[in-house]
Protein backbone atom coordinates (compact mmCIF):
# COMPACT_ATOMS: atom_id res chain seq x y z
CA MET A 1 -21.87 -9.44 -41.90
CA ASP A 2 -22.18 -5.90 -43.33
CA VAL A 3 -20.46 -2.82 -41.91
CA ASP A 4 -23.56 -1.63 -40.07
CA GLY A 5 -23.95 -5.03 -38.44
CA THR A 6 -20.32 -5.10 -37.37
CA MET A 7 -20.60 -1.62 -35.86
CA GLU A 8 -23.78 -2.64 -34.03
CA VAL A 9 -22.09 -5.70 -32.49
CA HIS A 10 -19.07 -3.59 -31.49
CA LEU A 11 -21.37 -0.98 -29.94
CA GLN A 12 -23.21 -3.67 -27.98
CA GLU A 13 -19.90 -4.99 -26.64
CA GLU A 14 -18.85 -1.48 -25.60
CA ILE A 15 -22.14 -0.97 -23.75
CA ILE A 16 -21.87 -4.34 -22.01
CA MET A 17 -18.25 -3.66 -21.09
CA ASP A 18 -19.12 -0.24 -19.68
CA ILE A 19 -21.90 -1.71 -17.55
CA LEU A 20 -19.71 -4.54 -16.29
CA SER A 21 -16.86 -2.16 -15.45
CA ARG A 22 -19.09 -0.49 -12.85
CA LEU A 23 -20.08 -3.68 -11.04
CA PRO A 24 -18.47 -5.02 -7.84
CA VAL A 25 -15.92 -7.79 -8.09
CA LEU A 26 -18.12 -10.46 -6.48
CA SER A 27 -20.77 -9.97 -9.16
CA LEU A 28 -18.16 -10.20 -11.90
CA LEU A 29 -16.80 -13.45 -10.50
CA ARG A 30 -20.30 -14.92 -10.80
CA PHE A 31 -20.72 -13.57 -14.33
CA LYS A 32 -17.48 -15.24 -15.43
CA CYS A 33 -19.22 -18.56 -14.81
CA VAL A 34 -22.20 -17.68 -17.05
CA SER A 35 -20.48 -18.27 -20.40
CA LYS A 36 -17.10 -18.48 -22.08
CA TYR A 37 -17.85 -15.21 -23.86
CA TRP A 38 -18.37 -13.31 -20.61
CA MET A 39 -15.35 -14.93 -19.02
CA THR A 40 -13.19 -13.92 -22.00
CA LEU A 41 -14.61 -10.38 -21.98
CA ILE A 42 -14.06 -9.83 -18.25
CA SER A 43 -10.54 -11.28 -18.48
CA GLU A 44 -9.40 -8.94 -21.26
CA PRO A 45 -6.66 -6.45 -20.20
CA TYR A 46 -8.67 -3.55 -21.64
CA TYR A 47 -11.64 -4.45 -19.46
CA THR A 48 -9.61 -4.97 -16.27
CA LEU A 49 -8.01 -1.54 -16.77
CA LYS A 50 -11.43 0.04 -17.36
CA HIS A 51 -12.80 -1.60 -14.20
CA LEU A 52 -9.75 -0.49 -12.19
CA ASN A 53 -10.14 3.13 -13.31
CA HIS A 54 -13.78 3.14 -12.22
CA ALA A 55 -12.84 1.59 -8.88
CA LYS A 56 -10.21 4.26 -8.20
CA ASN A 57 -12.90 6.93 -8.42
CA ASN A 58 -15.41 5.04 -6.29
CA GLN A 59 -14.85 5.22 -2.53
CA ASN A 60 -17.08 2.17 -2.02
CA SER A 61 -14.53 0.12 -3.99
CA GLN A 62 -11.67 1.27 -1.77
CA LYS A 63 -11.07 -0.91 1.25
CA ILE A 64 -8.60 -1.34 4.03
CA LEU A 65 -6.88 -4.67 4.63
CA VAL A 66 -6.22 -5.44 8.29
CA LEU A 67 -3.96 -8.01 9.92
CA HIS A 68 -4.80 -8.66 13.55
CA GLY A 69 -2.24 -9.95 16.03
CA GLU A 70 -1.09 -9.42 19.59
CA PHE A 71 2.55 -10.15 18.77
CA PRO A 72 4.70 -8.79 15.93
CA LEU A 73 4.55 -10.90 12.76
CA HIS A 74 2.36 -13.56 14.43
CA CYS A 75 -1.03 -12.70 12.96
CA SER A 76 -4.21 -14.28 14.26
CA SER A 77 -6.73 -13.16 11.62
CA LEU A 78 -7.20 -11.21 8.42
CA SER A 79 -10.11 -8.93 7.54
CA SER A 80 -11.20 -6.08 5.30
CA ALA A 81 -13.66 -3.20 5.50
CA SER A 82 -14.73 -0.40 3.20
CA LEU A 83 -13.26 2.96 4.10
CA SER A 84 -16.71 4.40 4.70
CA SER A 85 -17.39 1.57 7.15
CA VAL A 86 -14.27 2.16 9.24
CA ARG A 87 -15.77 5.24 10.85
CA LEU A 88 -19.01 3.32 11.41
CA ALA A 89 -17.19 0.15 12.50
CA GLU A 90 -19.46 -2.09 10.46
CA ASN A 91 -19.41 -4.40 7.45
CA VAL A 92 -16.09 -5.93 8.42
CA GLN A 93 -15.40 -9.07 6.41
CA LYS A 94 -13.14 -11.84 7.63
CA LEU A 95 -10.84 -13.14 4.90
CA ASP A 96 -9.25 -16.51 4.29
CA TRP A 97 -5.48 -16.66 4.33
CA PRO A 98 -3.80 -16.61 0.90
CA SER A 99 -2.04 -19.87 1.80
CA ASN A 100 -3.22 -23.09 3.37
CA PRO A 101 -2.51 -23.81 6.15
CA ARG A 102 -2.22 -20.39 7.79
CA PRO A 103 1.40 -19.19 7.66
CA TRP A 104 3.44 -19.05 10.85
CA ARG A 105 4.52 -15.50 10.01
CA PHE A 106 2.85 -13.06 7.66
CA ARG A 107 4.20 -9.66 6.66
CA MET A 108 2.31 -7.24 4.45
CA TYR A 109 4.40 -4.57 2.75
CA CYS A 110 1.88 -2.65 0.67
CA CYS A 111 -1.09 -2.74 -1.66
CA TYR A 112 -1.22 -1.17 -5.10
CA ASP A 113 -3.93 -1.36 -7.78
CA GLY A 114 -5.75 -4.03 -5.82
CA LEU A 115 -2.69 -6.26 -5.33
CA ALA A 116 -1.10 -6.95 -1.94
CA LEU A 117 2.63 -7.65 -1.64
CA ILE A 118 3.25 -10.01 1.26
CA LYS A 119 5.92 -12.28 2.70
CA LEU A 120 5.09 -15.67 4.21
CA ARG A 121 7.04 -17.96 6.47
CA ASP A 122 6.02 -21.41 7.62
CA TYR A 123 7.02 -23.11 10.85
CA PRO A 124 9.34 -24.97 11.36
CA GLN A 125 11.00 -23.86 8.10
CA TYR A 126 11.56 -20.40 9.52
CA ALA A 127 14.51 -19.65 7.24
CA ARG A 128 12.36 -20.34 4.18
CA ALA A 129 10.26 -17.40 3.07
CA ILE A 130 8.37 -16.52 -0.10
CA LEU A 131 7.09 -13.29 -1.60
CA LEU A 132 3.55 -13.35 -2.85
CA LEU A 133 1.30 -11.08 -4.91
CA TRP A 134 -2.27 -11.56 -3.73
CA ASN A 135 -5.58 -10.14 -4.89
CA PRO A 136 -7.79 -9.93 -1.76
CA SER A 137 -10.91 -9.43 -3.90
CA THR A 138 -10.58 -12.54 -6.08
CA ARG A 139 -8.36 -14.52 -3.64
CA GLU A 140 -5.96 -15.24 -6.53
CA SER A 141 -2.21 -15.17 -5.88
CA ILE A 142 1.13 -15.78 -7.55
CA VAL A 143 4.44 -16.70 -5.94
CA LEU A 144 7.21 -14.34 -7.02
CA PRO A 145 10.54 -15.69 -8.30
CA CYS A 146 13.39 -16.37 -5.88
CA THR A 147 15.66 -13.46 -5.11
CA GLU A 148 19.42 -13.55 -4.68
CA PHE A 149 19.16 -11.69 -1.38
CA SER A 150 17.94 -13.68 1.59
CA LEU A 151 14.24 -13.23 2.33
CA SER A 152 14.85 -14.15 5.97
CA LYS A 153 16.63 -10.83 6.56
CA ASP A 154 14.97 -7.46 7.05
CA PHE A 155 14.30 -5.40 3.96
CA SER A 156 11.85 -2.86 2.66
CA CYS A 157 9.74 -3.63 -0.37
CA GLY A 158 7.35 -1.73 -2.61
CA LEU A 159 5.04 -2.37 -5.55
CA GLY A 160 4.28 0.10 -8.35
CA TYR A 161 3.18 0.40 -11.96
CA ASP A 162 5.50 1.57 -14.74
CA SER A 163 3.37 3.23 -17.43
CA THR A 164 6.27 3.41 -19.90
CA SER A 165 6.58 -0.38 -20.07
CA ASP A 166 2.99 -1.21 -19.04
CA ASP A 167 4.32 -3.46 -16.29
CA TYR A 168 4.17 -3.82 -12.52
CA LYS A 169 7.51 -3.66 -10.75
CA ILE A 170 8.69 -4.58 -7.27
CA PHE A 171 11.58 -2.73 -5.64
CA LYS A 172 13.53 -4.14 -2.69
CA ILE A 173 16.21 -2.49 -0.53
CA ASP A 174 17.97 -4.22 2.38
CA ASP A 175 19.80 -3.00 5.48
CA THR A 176 23.01 -2.43 3.51
CA ALA A 177 21.23 -0.41 0.78
CA HIS A 178 21.59 -3.20 -1.78
CA CYS A 179 18.69 -2.95 -4.21
CA GLU A 180 16.88 -5.31 -6.56
CA ILE A 181 14.01 -4.79 -8.94
CA LEU A 182 11.56 -7.27 -10.45
CA ALA A 183 9.48 -6.56 -13.55
CA LEU A 184 6.60 -9.03 -13.60
CA LYS A 185 6.80 -9.49 -17.37
CA SER A 186 10.48 -10.47 -17.18
CA GLY A 187 9.92 -12.86 -14.28
CA SER A 188 13.36 -12.38 -12.71
CA TRP A 189 15.06 -10.12 -10.19
CA ARG A 190 17.87 -7.83 -11.25
CA LYS A 191 20.48 -6.06 -9.12
CA ILE A 192 20.71 -2.30 -9.32
CA ASP A 193 24.42 -1.53 -9.24
CA LYS A 194 24.40 2.18 -9.98
CA ARG A 195 23.54 3.29 -6.47
CA PRO A 196 25.17 6.71 -5.92
CA ALA A 197 27.04 7.71 -2.79
CA GLY A 198 24.73 9.11 -0.16
CA VAL A 199 21.90 6.61 -0.65
CA PHE A 200 21.43 4.84 2.67
CA PRO A 201 19.14 2.07 3.90
CA VAL A 202 15.60 2.91 4.95
CA LEU A 203 15.26 4.61 8.33
CA SER A 204 14.40 1.93 10.90
CA ASP A 205 11.25 3.80 11.97
CA THR A 206 9.87 3.50 8.46
CA LYS A 207 10.78 -0.03 7.36
CA ASP A 208 7.42 -0.49 5.68
CA SER A 209 7.29 3.00 4.21
CA LEU A 210 8.22 2.96 0.54
CA ALA A 211 5.67 5.44 -0.75
CA PHE A 212 4.98 5.07 -4.48
CA VAL A 213 4.03 8.42 -6.02
CA HIS A 214 4.41 9.72 -9.60
CA GLY A 215 6.26 6.63 -10.81
CA ALA A 216 8.88 6.59 -8.05
CA PHE A 217 9.42 5.06 -4.62
CA HIS A 218 10.28 7.44 -1.78
CA TRP A 219 11.78 6.80 1.65
CA LEU A 220 13.55 8.42 4.58
CA ASP A 221 17.07 7.06 4.79
CA SER A 222 19.13 6.17 7.84
CA SER A 223 21.66 8.99 7.35
CA LEU A 224 19.20 11.29 9.17
CA GLY A 225 19.81 13.93 6.53
CA LYS A 226 17.38 16.56 5.34
CA MET A 227 16.39 14.75 2.16
CA LEU A 228 13.86 12.22 0.97
CA ILE A 229 15.36 9.60 -1.34
CA SER A 230 13.46 8.69 -4.50
CA PHE A 231 13.90 5.94 -7.09
CA SER A 232 12.18 6.08 -10.47
CA ILE A 233 11.12 2.65 -11.72
CA SER A 234 11.03 3.66 -15.39
CA ASN A 235 14.59 4.99 -15.84
CA GLU A 236 15.99 3.60 -12.54
CA VAL A 237 17.41 6.93 -11.41
CA TYR A 238 17.80 7.99 -7.78
CA GLY A 239 16.84 11.48 -6.66
CA GLU A 240 16.53 13.68 -3.58
CA ILE A 241 13.70 15.87 -2.32
CA PRO A 242 14.34 18.36 0.53
CA LEU A 243 12.21 17.78 3.61
CA PRO A 244 9.83 20.54 4.71
CA GLU A 245 11.03 23.17 7.14
CA GLY A 246 10.20 22.20 10.68
CA MET A 247 10.75 18.48 10.17
CA SER A 248 13.96 17.11 11.64
CA LEU A 249 15.28 13.56 11.52
CA VAL A 250 17.00 12.70 14.78
CA PHE A 251 17.62 9.39 16.51
CA ASN A 252 15.25 9.73 19.44
CA MET A 253 13.03 7.15 21.12
CA ASN A 254 10.42 9.88 21.60
CA ARG A 255 10.13 10.72 17.89
CA ILE A 256 8.79 8.72 14.95
CA ASN A 257 9.01 9.89 11.32
CA GLY A 258 7.58 8.41 8.18
CA VAL A 259 6.50 8.87 4.58
CA SER A 260 3.27 7.83 2.88
CA ALA A 261 1.02 8.54 -0.09
CA LEU A 262 -2.23 10.46 0.43
CA GLU A 263 -4.58 11.27 -2.46
CA GLY A 264 -1.81 10.44 -4.91
CA MET A 265 0.53 12.96 -3.30
CA LEU A 266 3.69 12.45 -1.27
CA SER A 267 3.35 13.11 2.46
CA VAL A 268 5.71 13.02 5.44
CA TYR A 269 4.76 12.93 9.09
CA SER A 270 6.47 13.34 12.43
CA THR A 271 5.15 12.33 15.85
CA HIS A 272 6.99 13.17 19.05
CA ILE A 273 6.42 13.45 22.78
CA ARG A 274 7.53 16.39 24.88
CA ARG A 275 6.64 16.93 28.53
CA GLY A 276 4.08 14.16 28.29
CA ILE A 277 2.26 15.67 25.29
CA HIS A 278 2.18 13.82 21.97
CA THR A 279 2.15 15.90 18.78
CA LEU A 280 1.58 14.79 15.19
CA LYS A 281 2.58 16.96 12.21
CA LEU A 282 1.67 16.07 8.64
CA TRP A 283 2.93 17.69 5.42
CA ILE A 284 1.82 17.07 1.82
CA LEU A 285 3.96 17.78 -1.26
CA LYS A 286 1.80 19.02 -4.12
CA ASP A 287 4.63 19.16 -6.68
CA CYS A 288 7.68 16.90 -6.37
CA ASP A 289 9.72 19.35 -8.46
CA VAL A 290 9.01 22.39 -6.26
CA GLN A 291 10.31 22.41 -2.68
CA GLU A 292 8.05 25.32 -1.77
CA SER A 293 4.99 23.19 -2.51
CA TRP A 294 5.25 21.44 0.87
CA ASN A 295 2.06 22.26 2.75
CA ARG A 296 1.50 21.44 6.43
CA LEU A 297 -1.89 19.77 6.47
CA PHE A 298 -2.33 19.81 10.25
CA THR A 299 -0.71 19.67 13.67
CA ILE A 300 -2.53 17.64 16.33
CA GLN A 301 -1.72 17.49 20.02
CA GLY A 302 -2.80 14.65 22.27
CA THR A 303 -2.21 11.95 19.66
CA ASP A 304 -0.33 8.69 20.14
CA LEU A 305 3.40 8.48 19.47
CA TYR A 306 2.79 5.90 16.74
CA SER A 307 0.24 7.70 14.55
CA ILE A 308 0.47 6.77 10.88
CA PRO A 309 -1.72 8.48 8.24
CA LYS A 310 -3.43 5.92 6.01
CA TYR A 311 -6.10 7.74 4.00
CA LYS A 312 -7.54 11.21 3.38
CA PHE A 313 -11.32 11.39 3.06
CA SER A 314 -13.11 13.81 0.74
CA ASP A 315 -14.07 16.01 3.71
CA GLY A 316 -10.40 16.47 4.63
CA GLU A 317 -10.43 14.07 7.57
CA VAL A 318 -7.40 11.76 7.73
CA LEU A 319 -7.61 8.15 8.91
CA LEU A 320 -4.80 7.33 11.33
CA ARG A 321 -3.51 4.01 12.58
CA CYS A 322 -2.52 4.63 16.19
CA ARG A 323 -1.04 2.60 18.99
CA ASP A 324 -3.29 2.61 22.04
CA LEU A 325 -1.82 1.48 25.38
CA GLU A 326 -5.02 -0.35 26.37
CA CYS A 327 -6.30 -1.65 23.05
CA GLY A 328 -3.20 -2.12 20.93
CA SER A 329 -3.25 -0.50 17.49
CA VAL A 330 -6.57 1.09 16.53
CA PHE A 331 -8.09 3.44 13.95
CA LYS A 332 -8.62 7.09 14.80
CA THR A 333 -9.19 10.22 12.73
CA SER A 334 -7.56 13.62 12.66
CA LYS A 335 -10.72 15.57 13.53
CA ASN A 336 -12.48 13.28 15.97
CA HIS A 337 -9.64 11.59 17.82
CA HIS A 338 -11.29 8.60 19.44
CA ALA A 339 -10.81 4.93 18.66
CA TYR A 340 -13.15 3.35 16.11
CA GLY A 341 -14.60 -0.13 16.36
CA LEU A 342 -12.58 -1.43 19.32
CA ASN A 343 -14.33 -4.80 19.15
CA LEU A 344 -13.76 -5.13 15.39
CA PHE A 345 -10.41 -3.43 14.87
CA ARG A 346 -8.61 -4.27 18.10
CA ASN A 347 -4.91 -5.19 17.90
CA LEU A 348 -4.26 -4.04 14.36
CA PHE A 349 -0.81 -5.18 13.37
CA ARG A 350 -0.56 -4.28 9.69
CA THR A 351 -2.93 -2.24 7.56
CA ALA A 352 -2.96 -1.32 3.87
CA LEU A 353 -5.44 0.27 1.49
CA PHE A 354 -6.55 -1.69 -1.54
CA ILE A 355 -8.95 -1.25 -4.44
CA GLN A 356 -11.33 -4.03 -5.41
CA LYS A 357 -9.89 -5.40 -8.63
CA VAL A 358 -11.12 -8.19 -10.86
């Protein structure tokens, strides 16, 4: 084949790859069955990255994963909906469990780049638990290696991507601030022994809140200090970020604090009740290196005590997961504070955002 012919074939592949990268996952799963060539093309790392980048910029590809259950950790069903459908309470899809039979207990820690990090327990082997990485779009999953720390105990866990090593990493911290990290390419957990003094376990209010932003996990620690703790997954260095003025960490049953990621930026929130009035305050940090870049996004009165920001829409409205006394946990928004889809989203137990990924 001459040079012109080779360039023409390469150009055709680029065009095909660009078209395929814009298609939904369900269509791609069908196309993988058409031929070995298409299956190989769609399975290439370059293509999956290209598809992921398109999905991140397409709100229709961004969905919310919902665990339903009336009792903690005992989940009755699993579903997903596009973020645009949450406000309309439509197009809710019921999902099969990532294990068969349905696990006795199911805990979802987070979702990142289309992968959900979950912990499963089966009855009657309650002491036996496994960590799983699951793709809700393709229904594929992998069981993570055993960890030295007991999975039956409480711990916080997060998933992130390390661009320096081109690898996904999982970070785990338990109630005694012992930490482990797993790089998927290495396939084994490793203790992190260089924890400096002053790094405490995750604040009990925020057990599931390890926000991954700019290559580092962030959490509020149990010392009730005035700092956010960070841990970089590339150089494995701890850091501190001062909390915004007006946010105080105190042990109080009438106050809940937390940290999350919104629009790729670090955010902290505080909900409290005073004289029967619930108030939610939300701050966003535009630059992790500049304390003055904390910006209070809003203050809302009349919210629920347990109001957790999950997503910021392009119009500035923020999706909140709230605890309703009559309906259990429900979705509400910052501007129009009424419950969405009570028949479809009743008794939310765990929620996480995910991107459709092939």
